[in-house]
Amino acid sequence: MTMLSLRSLLIVLLSANLVFATTVTYNWDITWVSVNPDSRHVRPAIGINGQWPCPTLKATVGDTVIVNVNNQLGNQSTSIHWHGLYQQGSNAMDGPVGVTQCAIPPGESYTYEFTINQPGTYWYHSHVGGQYPDGLRGPLIVHDPQSPYAGKYDEEIILTLSDWYHEQFPTLVSTYLSATLNPSGNESVPYSNLINDAQNIKFAMQPGKTYFVRIASIAAFAATYVQFDQHRMTIIEIDGVYTQPQTVDSIYVTAAQRYGVLITAKPSASKNYAFISSFDLDMFNTLPRYLQPNVTGYLVYDAQAPLPPALNVPAFNTYNDFDLVPYDQQPLLPAPDTVITFAFDFTQINGQNRAVMNNSTYLSPVVPTLFTALTAPPSVVSNPHIYGPHTNPVVLPMNAVVDIRLNNLDGGAHPFHLHGHPVQVIARSAPNVFVETPAMEAFVPGNGSSSSSLAALLPPQVDYSAKRAVPMRRDTVQVPEMGFVVLRFRAENPGVWLLHCHIEWHVEAGLTATVIEAPDVLQARQRIPFEGIQICVGQGVPTGGNAVGNSVDWLAAGS
C-alpha cells in the first residue's frame, strides 16, 4: 500500500468515526408528579417534564450530551449526577452539590454538557440532600458500535431495581439523623420493591431471540437478588466494564451497581415465565409488617396465555463478582505509590447519628471543593488542609498508582462508589474478620482517640495471594460487614471526586471522603463554566478561597 493510499484510508476511518459522534440534547423541567407505583399510597414524586418514572437518557460512544435542567420544584434545590461516567476533562459536570457545583435553586436553570467516551449501563440521579429516593433517578445507556458482543443479541431490555418509601425523604432523613427520635440509628425500611419504578412489569419475548438485559439498581438502600425462572443469565458487563462471559442463575445487586446480562428466549411460545427481584432482608434492622420485599415481573411469550404465579426461590445461588474477569484483560496495576486507609463506623455527635471515616464525619464545605482546587495558589493547592478537615480530603499526584483500603467496622455491608474512576478490586475479605475490641469501642469522636488508633483495628497484613492477575473492575464495590476491601486505580483523571457509601441514609450521615486528584494539572486544564459561577453568586456562595471561603489565609480552613 502506498503512503498516499494509507493516508486516504486513515482519513476515511477518521471520517467514519466522526459520522457516529453527534450532539444529543435533552431539555428537562424538574417537576412534582403525583404517583402510586405500588398501588398502596398516592404521594408526590420528583419527575421530569411532568412524567414519572423519569426518562432513559441514551447516547452513543463519542457523543456530546447536553442536558438543560430547569428546576420547577418550587420548594427544593436540585442537581444531577451521571453515575459511573468518568467526566474526563469535564469535572464541573459531575453534579454533587458542595463538591463540583452549587445547588440549582427553584426557578433557576443549569446546563450539563459533556462528551461520553465509555460504553455501558449507567444511571443519573439527584446528588443533593438525599433527594433521589423521592424519584429523581433514571437509566443512562451508552451504546457501543464496537462492542465485543455486537451481533450476539437481538434486542435490548432496560430493567431498573429500586426501593420505595411512602414518606418524602427529607422528613425521613431528619428523623433518622436525630439521636433523640432514633437512638438506635436504624434506617427506615422501604415499603415496596419496584422494577422500572413500577410493579407487574412485562417484557415481550420472541422464541429463540437473545436479549441484552441492562440491569441497574437505582435504589436508595436495599440490595436485591434477581432471578429469572428457567432462563439463565450470562454476565457480559458490570458498571460499564465488559467482562468475559459468565453464566449464572441469579445475581446480587447493591444500590448503584449495574449488570449487563444476555438471556436467550425459549424455542417456543408455549408458556410465560416469571422473574423476581427480592430484597436482601439482612440489611434491615427490623422487618415491619408493611414491607413488601419481593416484586414479580414477567417474560411474556404469549399475551393470550395466563401469567405464571410469583416465583419462589428458597435460596439464591449468586455468583461472587470478585471472580469476574474484564474482557480487555487489563492486568493488575503495579505496586501502589500511595496507600490510603479509611476505617469507618457509626456514632453519635452533638445529638445526631453520624458516620465517621477515620474519626471524621463529612460536612459540606462553604465553597464547593472544585472551586477551591481551581482558585488556590500553586503553593497550597496540594495541601489537604485547604479543603477543610470534614471533607475527609485526600490529595493525589498525577499518575500515581493508588490503593484505597476500606475497613468496615460496622455490622452491615456497604456499597462504596468512587466518582471519576473504575477501580480494580484486588482484595476483599470475608465478613466479620474484625473482632470487637476495647480499641474499637474507643474509636469514636470525643473519646480521645485519633487516627493512630487505627493500628489496633487492622487485621494482619492483607494477604494478596488471592489477588487476580486480571482483577475485576467496577465503580461501586460492596464492603463486607466487619470486613475490608482494597481498591487500586491510577490517578490519571484530574478532578475532585467523591468516595462514598451509596446507601443514601449514610451519605446524609457523612459516610463520604473527597479525592482531590492532581489539582495542579486540573488548574492547567479545566475551568468552572460561567453558569456554574452565576448559580453560586446568586445564592451568596463564595466562588473561590479555601473550604470556608478564606482567600487571604488559605490554611485557615476551619476544624
Protein backbone atom coordinates (compact mmCIF):
# COMPACT_ATOMS: atom_id res chain seq x y z
CA MET A 1 0.00 0.00 0.00
CA THR A 2 1.40 3.39 -0.99
CA MET A 3 1.80 6.23 1.51
CA LEU A 4 -0.96 8.14 -0.29
CA SER A 5 -3.44 5.27 -0.14
CA LEU A 6 -2.62 4.67 3.53
CA ARG A 7 -3.27 8.33 4.26
CA SER A 8 -6.55 8.14 2.36
CA LEU A 9 -7.60 5.11 4.38
CA LEU A 10 -6.85 6.91 7.64
CA ILE A 11 -8.93 9.89 6.53
CA VAL A 12 -11.84 7.60 5.67
CA LEU A 13 -11.60 5.86 9.05
CA LEU A 14 -11.46 9.14 10.95
CA SER A 15 -14.41 10.47 8.95
CA ALA A 16 -16.41 7.35 9.74
CA ASN A 17 -15.81 7.86 13.45
CA LEU A 18 -16.96 11.49 13.17
CA VAL A 19 -20.19 10.38 11.49
CA PHE A 20 -21.07 8.25 14.51
CA ALA A 21 -20.43 11.07 17.01
CA THR A 22 -23.23 13.58 17.41
CA THR A 23 -24.71 16.00 19.91
CA VAL A 24 -27.63 14.70 21.93
CA THR A 25 -29.72 17.39 23.62
CA TYR A 26 -32.31 16.97 26.37
CA ASN A 27 -34.47 19.70 27.87
CA TRP A 28 -35.60 18.72 31.35
CA ASP A 29 -38.03 20.56 33.60
CA ILE A 30 -37.73 19.08 37.09
CA THR A 31 -41.29 18.93 38.46
CA TRP A 32 -43.50 17.34 41.09
CA VAL A 33 -45.72 14.48 39.92
CA SER A 34 -48.42 12.55 41.82
CA VAL A 35 -47.63 8.81 41.71
CA ASN A 36 -48.65 5.46 43.19
CA PRO A 37 -46.20 2.86 41.83
CA ASP A 38 -47.01 0.11 44.34
CA SER A 39 -50.80 0.73 44.27
CA ARG A 40 -50.73 1.30 48.02
CA HIS A 41 -50.29 5.04 48.54
CA VAL A 42 -50.51 8.18 46.40
CA ARG A 43 -47.66 10.61 47.04
CA PRO A 44 -45.67 13.33 45.27
CA ALA A 45 -42.52 12.30 43.42
CA ILE A 46 -39.91 14.28 41.53
CA GLY A 47 -40.29 13.75 37.81
CA ILE A 48 -39.03 15.20 34.55
CA ASN A 49 -41.26 17.16 32.17
CA GLY A 50 -44.31 16.20 34.21
CA GLN A 51 -43.64 12.47 33.88
CA TRP A 52 -42.50 9.73 36.21
CA PRO A 53 -40.72 7.31 36.07
CA CYS A 54 -38.02 9.55 34.69
CA PRO A 55 -36.93 9.04 31.07
CA THR A 56 -33.98 6.99 29.87
CA LEU A 57 -31.06 9.07 28.63
CA LYS A 58 -29.50 7.40 25.59
CA ALA A 59 -26.27 8.19 23.75
CA THR A 60 -23.55 6.50 21.71
CA VAL A 61 -19.84 6.41 22.49
CA GLY A 62 -18.29 9.66 21.28
CA ASP A 63 -21.48 11.71 21.60
CA THR A 64 -21.62 15.07 23.29
CA VAL A 65 -24.57 15.20 25.68
CA ILE A 66 -26.28 18.46 26.59
CA VAL A 67 -28.93 18.42 29.31
CA ASN A 68 -30.68 21.72 30.02
CA VAL A 69 -32.09 21.40 33.53
CA ASN A 70 -34.75 23.82 34.78
CA ASN A 71 -35.74 23.46 38.43
CA GLN A 72 -39.50 23.92 38.71
CA LEU A 73 -39.89 22.17 42.08
CA GLY A 74 -40.65 25.43 43.88
CA ASN A 75 -39.56 24.21 47.30
CA GLN A 76 -36.30 22.29 46.76
CA SER A 77 -32.96 22.84 45.09
CA THR A 78 -31.54 20.10 42.90
CA SER A 79 -28.60 18.82 40.84
CA ILE A 80 -27.89 15.76 38.68
CA HIS A 81 -25.00 13.30 38.87
CA TRP A 82 -24.26 10.98 35.96
CA HIS A 83 -23.40 7.87 37.89
CA GLY A 84 -20.46 5.93 36.50
CA LEU A 85 -19.41 8.47 33.85
CA TYR A 86 -15.78 9.40 34.42
CA GLN A 87 -16.21 13.02 33.24
CA GLN A 88 -12.66 13.18 31.92
CA GLY A 89 -11.97 16.84 31.25
CA SER A 90 -15.41 17.87 32.49
CA ASN A 91 -15.22 17.59 36.28
CA ALA A 92 -17.59 20.57 36.70
CA MET A 93 -20.35 18.46 35.12
CA ASP A 94 -20.19 15.64 37.71
CA GLY A 95 -23.09 17.03 39.74
CA PRO A 96 -22.63 16.59 43.52
CA VAL A 97 -23.55 19.79 45.35
CA GLY A 98 -20.78 21.25 47.51
CA VAL A 99 -18.21 19.28 45.52
CA THR A 100 -18.30 20.33 41.86
CA GLN A 101 -21.17 22.83 41.86
CA CYS A 102 -23.70 24.79 43.87
CA ALA A 103 -27.29 23.57 44.00
CA ILE A 104 -29.72 24.64 41.29
CA PRO A 105 -32.32 26.68 43.24
CA PRO A 106 -36.03 26.73 42.38
CA GLY A 107 -36.72 28.74 39.26
CA GLU A 108 -33.13 28.54 38.02
CA SER A 109 -31.54 26.56 35.20
CA TYR A 110 -28.21 24.84 34.65
CA THR A 111 -26.73 23.16 31.57
CA TYR A 112 -24.72 19.97 31.83
CA GLU A 113 -22.51 19.33 28.80
CA PHE A 114 -20.00 16.51 28.46
CA THR A 115 -18.64 14.03 25.94
CA ILE A 116 -19.07 10.32 26.67
CA ASN A 117 -16.17 8.10 25.65
CA GLN A 118 -17.18 4.98 27.53
CA PRO A 119 -19.89 2.44 26.71
CA GLY A 120 -22.16 0.73 29.19
CA THR A 121 -25.08 0.74 31.57
CA TYR A 122 -25.26 3.76 33.87
CA TRP A 123 -27.85 5.93 35.59
CA TYR A 124 -28.42 9.51 36.67
CA HIS A 125 -29.76 10.88 39.93
CA SER A 126 -30.00 13.96 42.06
CA HIS A 127 -26.96 14.49 44.28
CA VAL A 128 -28.15 16.87 46.97
CA GLY A 129 -29.97 16.49 50.28
CA GLY A 130 -30.98 12.84 49.94
CA GLN A 131 -33.32 13.82 47.11
CA TYR A 132 -33.14 10.98 44.61
CA PRO A 133 -35.19 8.44 46.66
CA ASP A 134 -38.14 10.78 46.01
CA GLY A 135 -37.93 9.94 42.32
CA LEU A 136 -35.26 11.96 40.50
CA ARG A 137 -33.40 8.96 39.06
CA GLY A 138 -33.32 7.11 35.75
CA PRO A 139 -31.27 4.90 33.40
CA LEU A 140 -28.43 6.22 31.27
CA ILE A 141 -27.43 3.95 28.39
CA VAL A 142 -24.32 4.42 26.22
CA HIS A 143 -24.39 2.28 23.08
CA ASP A 144 -21.20 0.91 21.59
CA PRO A 145 -20.91 0.14 17.87
CA GLN A 146 -17.58 -1.56 18.64
CA SER A 147 -18.90 -3.77 21.45
CA PRO A 148 -17.21 -7.18 21.62
CA TYR A 149 -20.71 -8.61 21.99
CA ALA A 150 -22.15 -6.83 18.95
CA GLY A 151 -24.15 -9.29 16.86
CA LYS A 152 -24.58 -11.69 19.76
CA TYR A 153 -28.00 -10.40 20.80
CA ASP A 154 -31.15 -9.28 19.02
CA GLU A 155 -32.74 -6.70 21.30
CA GLU A 156 -32.10 -4.74 24.49
CA ILE A 157 -34.19 -4.58 27.65
CA ILE A 158 -33.71 -1.99 30.40
CA LEU A 159 -34.54 -3.21 33.91
CA THR A 160 -34.13 -0.94 36.94
CA LEU A 161 -34.31 -2.06 40.56
CA SER A 162 -35.49 0.33 43.25
CA ASP A 163 -36.93 0.65 46.72
CA TRP A 164 -39.90 2.87 47.51
CA TYR A 165 -40.93 4.88 50.56
CA HIS A 166 -44.36 6.33 51.25
CA GLU A 167 -43.00 9.41 53.03
CA GLN A 168 -40.83 12.08 51.45
CA PHE A 169 -37.16 11.61 52.15
CA PRO A 170 -36.31 14.96 53.84
CA THR A 171 -38.73 14.11 56.65
CA LEU A 172 -37.36 10.58 56.95
CA VAL A 173 -33.75 11.80 56.99
CA SER A 174 -34.49 14.35 59.72
CA THR A 175 -35.83 11.56 61.93
CA TYR A 176 -33.01 9.18 61.03
CA LEU A 177 -30.29 11.67 61.99
CA SER A 178 -31.89 12.60 65.31
CA ALA A 179 -30.34 10.68 68.20
CA THR A 180 -33.38 11.65 70.27
CA LEU A 181 -36.01 10.39 67.83
CA ASN A 182 -33.89 7.48 66.58
CA PRO A 183 -31.49 6.46 69.36
CA SER A 184 -30.67 3.14 67.69
CA GLY A 185 -29.57 4.88 64.48
CA ASN A 186 -31.62 2.49 62.34
CA GLU A 187 -32.54 3.38 58.78
CA SER A 188 -36.20 3.44 57.76
CA VAL A 189 -37.22 0.30 55.88
CA PRO A 190 -38.80 0.86 52.44
CA TYR A 191 -42.39 -0.11 51.81
CA SER A 192 -42.04 -1.80 48.44
CA ASN A 193 -39.74 -3.31 45.88
CA LEU A 194 -40.06 -1.88 42.34
CA ILE A 195 -38.93 -2.90 38.86
CA ASN A 196 -38.70 0.01 36.41
CA ASP A 197 -40.21 2.08 39.26
CA ALA A 198 -43.40 0.02 38.91
CA GLN A 199 -44.77 -3.45 39.61
CA ASN A 200 -46.01 -6.34 37.47
CA ILE A 201 -43.70 -5.34 34.63
CA LYS A 202 -43.98 -7.41 31.44
CA PHE A 203 -41.30 -7.90 28.79
CA ALA A 204 -42.37 -9.30 25.42
CA MET A 205 -40.22 -12.26 24.34
CA GLN A 206 -39.87 -13.89 20.95
CA PRO A 207 -38.79 -17.54 20.77
CA GLY A 208 -35.11 -18.07 20.00
CA LYS A 209 -34.05 -14.45 20.34
CA THR A 210 -31.24 -13.35 22.64
CA TYR A 211 -31.79 -10.25 24.77
CA PHE A 212 -29.22 -7.91 26.29
CA VAL A 213 -30.81 -7.05 29.64
CA ARG A 214 -29.32 -3.93 31.22
CA ILE A 215 -29.94 -4.17 34.96
CA ALA A 216 -29.37 -1.03 37.04
CA SER A 217 -30.02 -0.57 40.73
CA ILE A 218 -31.34 2.95 41.28
CA ALA A 219 -32.24 2.11 44.88
CA ALA A 220 -31.58 4.28 47.92
CA PHE A 221 -30.92 1.48 50.40
CA ALA A 222 -31.84 -2.09 49.57
CA ALA A 223 -29.65 -4.61 47.78
CA THR A 224 -31.56 -7.04 45.59
CA TYR A 225 -31.42 -10.61 44.32
CA VAL A 226 -32.59 -11.12 40.72
CA GLN A 227 -33.53 -14.44 39.12
CA PHE A 228 -35.48 -15.47 36.01
CA ASP A 229 -37.47 -18.68 36.04
CA GLN A 230 -35.87 -21.26 33.74
CA HIS A 231 -33.74 -18.62 31.99
CA ARG A 232 -30.08 -18.41 32.95
CA MET A 233 -28.17 -15.14 32.67
CA THR A 234 -24.76 -14.66 31.08
CA ILE A 235 -22.97 -11.67 32.60
CA ILE A 236 -21.11 -9.60 29.97
CA GLU A 237 -20.83 -6.20 31.69
CA ILE A 238 -20.60 -4.73 35.17
CA ASP A 239 -20.70 -1.00 35.84
CA GLY A 240 -19.75 -0.20 32.24
CA VAL A 241 -16.84 -2.69 32.09
CA TYR A 242 -17.19 -5.58 29.62
CA THR A 243 -16.47 -8.96 31.18
CA GLN A 244 -15.63 -12.41 29.95
CA PRO A 245 -19.00 -14.23 29.72
CA GLN A 246 -20.11 -15.87 32.95
CA THR A 247 -23.38 -17.80 33.12
CA VAL A 248 -25.27 -17.65 36.42
CA ASP A 249 -28.65 -18.47 37.93
CA SER A 250 -29.06 -15.26 39.91
CA ILE A 251 -27.23 -12.03 40.70
CA TYR A 252 -26.90 -9.86 43.79
CA VAL A 253 -27.09 -6.14 43.03
CA THR A 254 -26.28 -3.48 45.62
CA ALA A 255 -27.56 0.07 45.44
CA ALA A 256 -25.97 1.82 42.41
CA GLN A 257 -24.46 -1.29 40.78
CA ARG A 258 -25.25 -2.35 37.23
CA TYR A 259 -25.10 -5.64 35.33
CA GLY A 260 -25.43 -6.37 31.64
CA VAL A 261 -26.63 -9.93 31.01
CA LEU A 262 -27.64 -12.00 27.99
CA ILE A 263 -30.81 -14.07 28.20
CA THR A 264 -31.82 -16.41 25.39
CA ALA A 265 -35.53 -16.97 24.92
CA LYS A 266 -37.09 -20.43 24.86
CA PRO A 267 -37.56 -22.06 21.43
CA SER A 268 -41.35 -21.99 21.66
CA ALA A 269 -44.05 -19.62 22.93
CA SER A 270 -45.93 -22.31 24.81
CA LYS A 271 -45.92 -20.51 28.17
CA ASN A 272 -44.93 -17.37 30.04
CA TYR A 273 -42.36 -17.12 32.82
CA ALA A 274 -41.93 -15.09 35.98
CA PHE A 275 -38.84 -13.39 37.33
CA ILE A 276 -38.21 -11.99 40.79
CA SER A 277 -36.48 -9.07 42.45
CA SER A 278 -36.08 -9.79 46.17
CA PHE A 279 -34.65 -7.50 48.84
CA ASP A 280 -31.73 -8.71 50.95
CA LEU A 281 -33.56 -8.73 54.28
CA ASP A 282 -30.29 -8.92 56.24
CA MET A 283 -29.85 -5.21 55.51
CA PHE A 284 -32.86 -4.25 57.62
CA ASN A 285 -32.75 -3.98 61.42
CA THR A 286 -36.48 -4.67 61.59
CA LEU A 287 -39.00 -6.28 59.23
CA PRO A 288 -42.14 -4.14 59.56
CA ARG A 289 -45.49 -5.59 58.60
CA TYR A 290 -45.89 -3.08 55.77
CA LEU A 291 -42.76 -4.32 53.95
CA GLN A 292 -43.26 -5.95 50.54
CA PRO A 293 -39.74 -7.28 49.87
CA ASN A 294 -40.45 -9.11 46.62
CA VAL A 295 -41.74 -7.97 43.26
CA THR A 296 -42.57 -10.16 40.28
CA GLY A 297 -42.10 -9.38 36.61
CA TYR A 298 -42.96 -11.47 33.58
CA LEU A 299 -41.33 -12.73 30.40
CA VAL A 300 -44.35 -12.82 28.10
CA TYR A 301 -44.16 -15.17 25.09
CA ASP A 302 -47.91 -15.35 24.55
CA ALA A 303 -50.03 -12.36 25.58
CA GLN A 304 -53.15 -14.53 25.47
CA ALA A 305 -51.74 -17.17 27.82
CA PRO A 306 -52.09 -16.85 31.61
CA LEU A 307 -49.32 -15.31 33.66
CA PRO A 308 -47.50 -17.71 35.97
CA PRO A 309 -47.58 -17.43 39.76
CA ALA A 310 -44.91 -15.41 41.55
CA LEU A 311 -41.51 -17.07 41.52
CA ASN A 312 -40.49 -18.60 44.84
CA VAL A 313 -36.74 -19.01 45.36
CA PRO A 314 -35.91 -20.60 48.73
CA ALA A 315 -32.23 -19.67 48.43
CA PHE A 316 -30.44 -17.61 45.79
CA ASN A 317 -27.29 -19.13 44.29
CA THR A 318 -25.40 -15.94 43.45
CA TYR A 319 -22.02 -15.52 41.80
CA ASN A 320 -19.21 -13.63 43.53
CA ASP A 321 -18.48 -10.57 41.41
CA PHE A 322 -14.86 -10.66 42.65
CA ASP A 323 -14.35 -13.61 40.29
CA LEU A 324 -15.49 -11.81 37.15
CA VAL A 325 -12.75 -11.12 34.58
CA PRO A 326 -12.69 -7.94 32.45
CA TYR A 327 -12.96 -8.65 28.74
CA ASP A 328 -10.00 -6.40 27.93
CA GLN A 329 -7.70 -8.41 30.23
CA GLN A 330 -6.30 -5.25 31.82
CA PRO A 331 -3.61 -6.60 34.16
CA LEU A 332 -3.15 -5.77 37.81
CA LEU A 333 -1.65 -2.31 38.13
CA PRO A 334 1.86 -2.16 39.63
CA ALA A 335 2.52 -1.79 43.35
CA PRO A 336 0.97 1.40 44.73
CA ASP A 337 2.78 4.68 45.11
CA THR A 338 0.21 5.77 47.70
CA VAL A 339 -1.81 3.71 50.18
CA ILE A 340 -4.85 5.28 51.84
CA THR A 341 -6.70 3.58 54.68
CA PHE A 342 -10.18 4.56 55.80
CA ALA A 343 -11.81 2.87 58.77
CA PHE A 344 -15.50 3.71 59.03
CA ASP A 345 -18.25 3.23 61.56
CA PHE A 346 -21.26 4.99 63.09
CA THR A 347 -21.59 7.04 66.25
CA GLN A 348 -23.48 9.98 67.75
CA ILE A 349 -22.13 13.53 67.56
CA ASN A 350 -23.88 16.52 69.11
CA GLY A 351 -27.23 14.76 69.26
CA GLN A 352 -27.04 13.38 65.72
CA ASN A 353 -26.50 9.92 64.33
CA ARG A 354 -23.39 10.26 62.17
CA ALA A 355 -20.99 8.14 60.16
CA VAL A 356 -17.25 8.63 60.57
CA MET A 357 -14.30 7.86 58.31
CA ASN A 358 -11.04 7.86 60.22
CA ASN A 359 -12.90 9.51 63.06
CA SER A 360 -14.30 12.35 60.93
CA THR A 361 -17.84 12.86 59.63
CA TYR A 362 -18.24 14.52 56.24
CA LEU A 363 -19.67 18.04 56.28
CA SER A 364 -20.21 20.01 53.10
CA PRO A 365 -17.79 22.94 52.76
CA VAL A 366 -18.91 26.53 52.25
CA VAL A 367 -17.05 26.65 48.91
CA PRO A 368 -17.51 23.69 46.54
CA THR A 369 -14.26 21.74 46.66
CA LEU A 370 -13.64 22.01 42.91
CA PHE A 371 -13.80 25.81 43.21
CA THR A 372 -11.18 25.69 45.96
CA ALA A 373 -8.93 23.45 43.85
CA LEU A 374 -9.18 25.78 40.84
CA THR A 375 -8.57 29.05 42.73
CA ALA A 376 -5.86 28.01 45.22
CA PRO A 377 -2.31 29.32 44.79
CA PRO A 378 0.09 26.67 43.46
CA SER A 379 1.94 26.72 46.78
CA VAL A 380 -1.06 25.32 48.69
CA VAL A 381 -3.25 23.60 46.10
CA SER A 382 -1.92 20.16 47.11
CA ASN A 383 -2.26 20.84 50.84
CA PRO A 384 -5.31 18.85 52.05
CA HIS A 385 -5.92 21.35 54.85
CA ILE A 386 -7.31 23.99 52.47
CA TYR A 387 -10.20 21.67 51.56
CA GLY A 388 -11.43 21.50 55.16
CA PRO A 389 -10.93 18.64 57.61
CA HIS A 390 -14.55 17.48 57.39
CA THR A 391 -14.47 16.88 53.66
CA ASN A 392 -12.15 13.99 54.59
CA PRO A 393 -9.73 15.11 51.86
CA VAL A 394 -7.04 13.05 50.15
CA VAL A 395 -4.76 14.74 47.60
CA LEU A 396 -3.16 12.55 44.92
CA PRO A 397 -0.36 13.35 42.47
CA MET A 398 -0.84 12.81 38.74
CA ASN A 399 -0.38 9.22 37.52
CA ALA A 400 0.20 7.76 40.97
CA VAL A 401 -0.98 4.19 41.48
CA VAL A 402 -3.24 4.33 44.50
CA ASP A 403 -4.57 1.70 46.89
CA ILE A 404 -7.60 2.62 48.96
CA ARG A 405 -8.29 0.24 51.82
CA LEU A 406 -11.78 0.44 53.31
CA ASN A 407 -12.11 -1.13 56.74
CA ASN A 408 -15.75 -1.60 57.68
CA LEU A 409 -16.20 -1.59 61.46
CA ASP A 410 -19.99 -1.70 61.13
CA GLY A 411 -22.20 -4.77 61.33
CA GLY A 412 -23.71 -4.14 57.90
CA ALA A 413 -22.23 -4.28 54.39
CA HIS A 414 -21.76 -1.05 52.44
CA PRO A 415 -21.62 -0.39 48.67
CA PHE A 416 -18.86 2.19 48.11
CA HIS A 417 -18.74 4.28 44.94
CA LEU A 418 -15.79 6.27 43.62
CA HIS A 419 -16.65 9.07 41.21
CA GLY A 420 -14.40 9.52 38.17
CA HIS A 421 -12.94 6.00 38.04
CA PRO A 422 -13.46 2.30 37.75
CA VAL A 423 -11.32 0.54 40.34
CA GLN A 424 -9.54 -2.78 40.39
CA VAL A 425 -10.84 -4.81 43.32
CA ILE A 426 -7.63 -6.55 44.36
CA ALA A 427 -8.65 -7.89 47.76
CA ARG A 428 -11.89 -8.43 49.64
CA SER A 429 -12.15 -10.16 52.98
CA ALA A 430 -14.83 -12.47 54.21
CA PRO A 431 -17.35 -10.84 56.55
CA ASN A 432 -16.56 -10.47 60.24
CA VAL A 433 -12.75 -10.51 60.12
CA PHE A 434 -12.67 -7.64 62.58
CA VAL A 435 -13.26 -8.56 66.21
CA GLU A 436 -14.95 -6.21 68.63
CA THR A 437 -12.23 -4.85 70.97
CA PRO A 438 -11.91 -2.06 73.54
CA ALA A 439 -9.81 -0.18 70.98
CA MET A 440 -12.69 -0.33 68.55
CA GLU A 441 -15.12 0.93 71.18
CA ALA A 442 -12.75 3.85 71.78
CA PHE A 443 -12.72 4.73 68.12
CA VAL A 444 -15.42 7.38 68.37
CA PRO A 445 -15.19 11.16 68.45
CA GLY A 446 -14.80 12.69 71.88
CA ASN A 447 -13.11 9.68 73.47
CA GLY A 448 -9.59 10.97 72.95
CA SER A 449 -9.00 8.63 70.03
CA SER A 450 -7.07 9.59 66.94
CA SER A 451 -6.12 8.10 63.62
CA SER A 452 -3.28 6.29 65.43
CA SER A 453 -6.00 4.13 66.98
CA LEU A 454 -6.39 2.52 63.58
CA ALA A 455 -3.35 0.33 64.15
CA ALA A 456 -5.25 -1.54 66.84
CA LEU A 457 -8.16 -2.13 64.50
CA LEU A 458 -6.41 -3.59 61.50
CA PRO A 459 -6.09 -7.33 60.92
CA PRO A 460 -2.68 -8.72 59.91
CA GLN A 461 -1.16 -7.54 56.64
CA VAL A 462 -3.52 -8.13 53.73
CA ASP A 463 -2.91 -11.48 52.09
CA TYR A 464 -2.59 -10.66 48.39
CA SER A 465 -2.09 -14.28 47.41
CA ALA A 466 -5.69 -14.46 46.21
CA LYS A 467 -5.45 -11.35 44.03
CA ARG A 468 -6.14 -11.83 40.37
CA ALA A 469 -3.58 -11.17 37.65
CA VAL A 470 -6.55 -9.60 35.86
CA PRO A 471 -8.72 -8.19 38.66
CA MET A 472 -12.38 -7.31 38.41
CA ARG A 473 -13.13 -3.61 37.79
CA ARG A 474 -16.24 -1.64 38.63
CA ASP A 475 -17.19 1.72 40.16
CA THR A 476 -19.40 0.51 43.04
CA VAL A 477 -17.99 -2.19 45.33
CA GLN A 478 -19.58 -3.98 48.27
CA VAL A 479 -17.54 -3.82 51.50
CA PRO A 480 -18.49 -6.79 53.70
CA GLU A 481 -19.73 -6.31 57.24
CA MET A 482 -16.83 -6.11 59.72
CA GLY A 483 -14.54 -6.71 56.75
CA PHE A 484 -12.47 -4.84 54.18
CA VAL A 485 -11.73 -4.30 50.51
CA VAL A 486 -8.63 -3.00 48.76
CA LEU A 487 -9.21 -0.91 45.63
CA ARG A 488 -6.50 0.06 43.15
CA PHE A 489 -6.54 2.71 40.41
CA ARG A 490 -4.25 5.11 38.62
CA ALA A 491 -4.71 8.82 39.34
CA GLU A 492 -4.96 9.92 35.70
CA ASN A 493 -8.23 11.86 35.78
CA PRO A 494 -7.54 15.29 37.36
CA GLY A 495 -10.52 16.46 39.34
CA VAL A 496 -12.41 16.37 42.61
CA TRP A 497 -14.13 13.02 43.11
CA LEU A 498 -16.27 11.75 45.96
CA LEU A 499 -15.75 8.35 47.57
CA HIS A 500 -18.88 7.40 49.48
CA CYS A 501 -21.26 4.71 50.58
CA HIS A 502 -24.18 4.64 48.14
CA ILE A 503 -26.80 3.91 50.78
CA GLU A 504 -28.43 7.32 50.76
CA TRP A 505 -29.05 7.29 54.51
CA HIS A 506 -25.31 7.00 55.05
CA VAL A 507 -24.45 9.75 52.58
CA GLU A 508 -26.62 12.07 54.64
CA ALA A 509 -24.90 10.81 57.81
CA GLY A 510 -21.46 11.72 56.45
CA LEU A 511 -20.02 8.43 55.15
CA THR A 512 -18.03 10.27 52.48
CA ALA A 513 -14.47 11.26 51.62
CA THR A 514 -13.09 13.56 48.92
CA VAL A 515 -10.34 12.62 46.48
CA ILE A 516 -8.59 15.67 45.04
CA GLU A 517 -6.69 14.28 42.07
CA ALA A 518 -3.73 16.09 40.52
CA PRO A 519 -5.02 19.59 41.40
CA ASP A 520 -2.00 21.25 39.78
CA VAL A 521 -2.81 19.59 36.46
CA LEU A 522 -6.50 20.31 36.98
CA GLN A 523 -5.75 24.04 37.22
CA ALA A 524 -3.95 23.96 33.89
CA ARG A 525 -6.71 22.07 32.04
CA GLN A 526 -10.17 22.92 33.38
CA ARG A 527 -12.36 25.84 34.38
CA ILE A 528 -15.75 26.38 36.01
CA PRO A 529 -18.34 27.36 33.40
CA PHE A 530 -19.73 30.87 33.79
CA GLU A 531 -23.20 29.47 34.52
CA GLY A 532 -21.72 27.48 37.42
CA ILE A 533 -20.26 30.64 38.90
CA GLN A 534 -23.54 32.54 38.47
CA ILE A 535 -25.53 29.85 40.30
CA CYS A 536 -23.26 30.21 43.32
CA VAL A 537 -23.13 34.01 43.27
CA GLY A 538 -26.91 34.14 43.16
CA GLN A 539 -27.03 32.22 46.44
CA GLY A 540 -24.26 34.16 48.14
CA VAL A 541 -21.81 31.27 47.96
CA PRO A 542 -18.14 32.26 47.53
CA THR A 543 -16.66 31.05 44.25
CA GLY A 544 -13.08 30.89 45.48
CA GLY A 545 -10.96 30.52 48.57
CA ASN A 546 -10.46 27.60 50.91
CA ALA A 547 -13.27 25.43 52.27
CA VAL A 548 -14.69 28.32 54.30
CA GLY A 549 -14.12 30.97 51.62
CA ASN A 550 -10.92 32.46 53.03
CA SER A 551 -8.64 33.53 50.18
CA VAL A 552 -6.30 35.53 52.42
CA ASP A 553 -5.13 32.82 54.81
CA TRP A 554 -5.64 29.64 52.81
CA LEU A 555 -4.58 27.37 55.66
CA ALA A 556 -7.30 28.73 57.99
CA ALA A 557 -9.93 26.26 56.77
CA GLY A 558 -11.80 25.58 59.99
CA SER A 559 -11.80 22.47 62.16
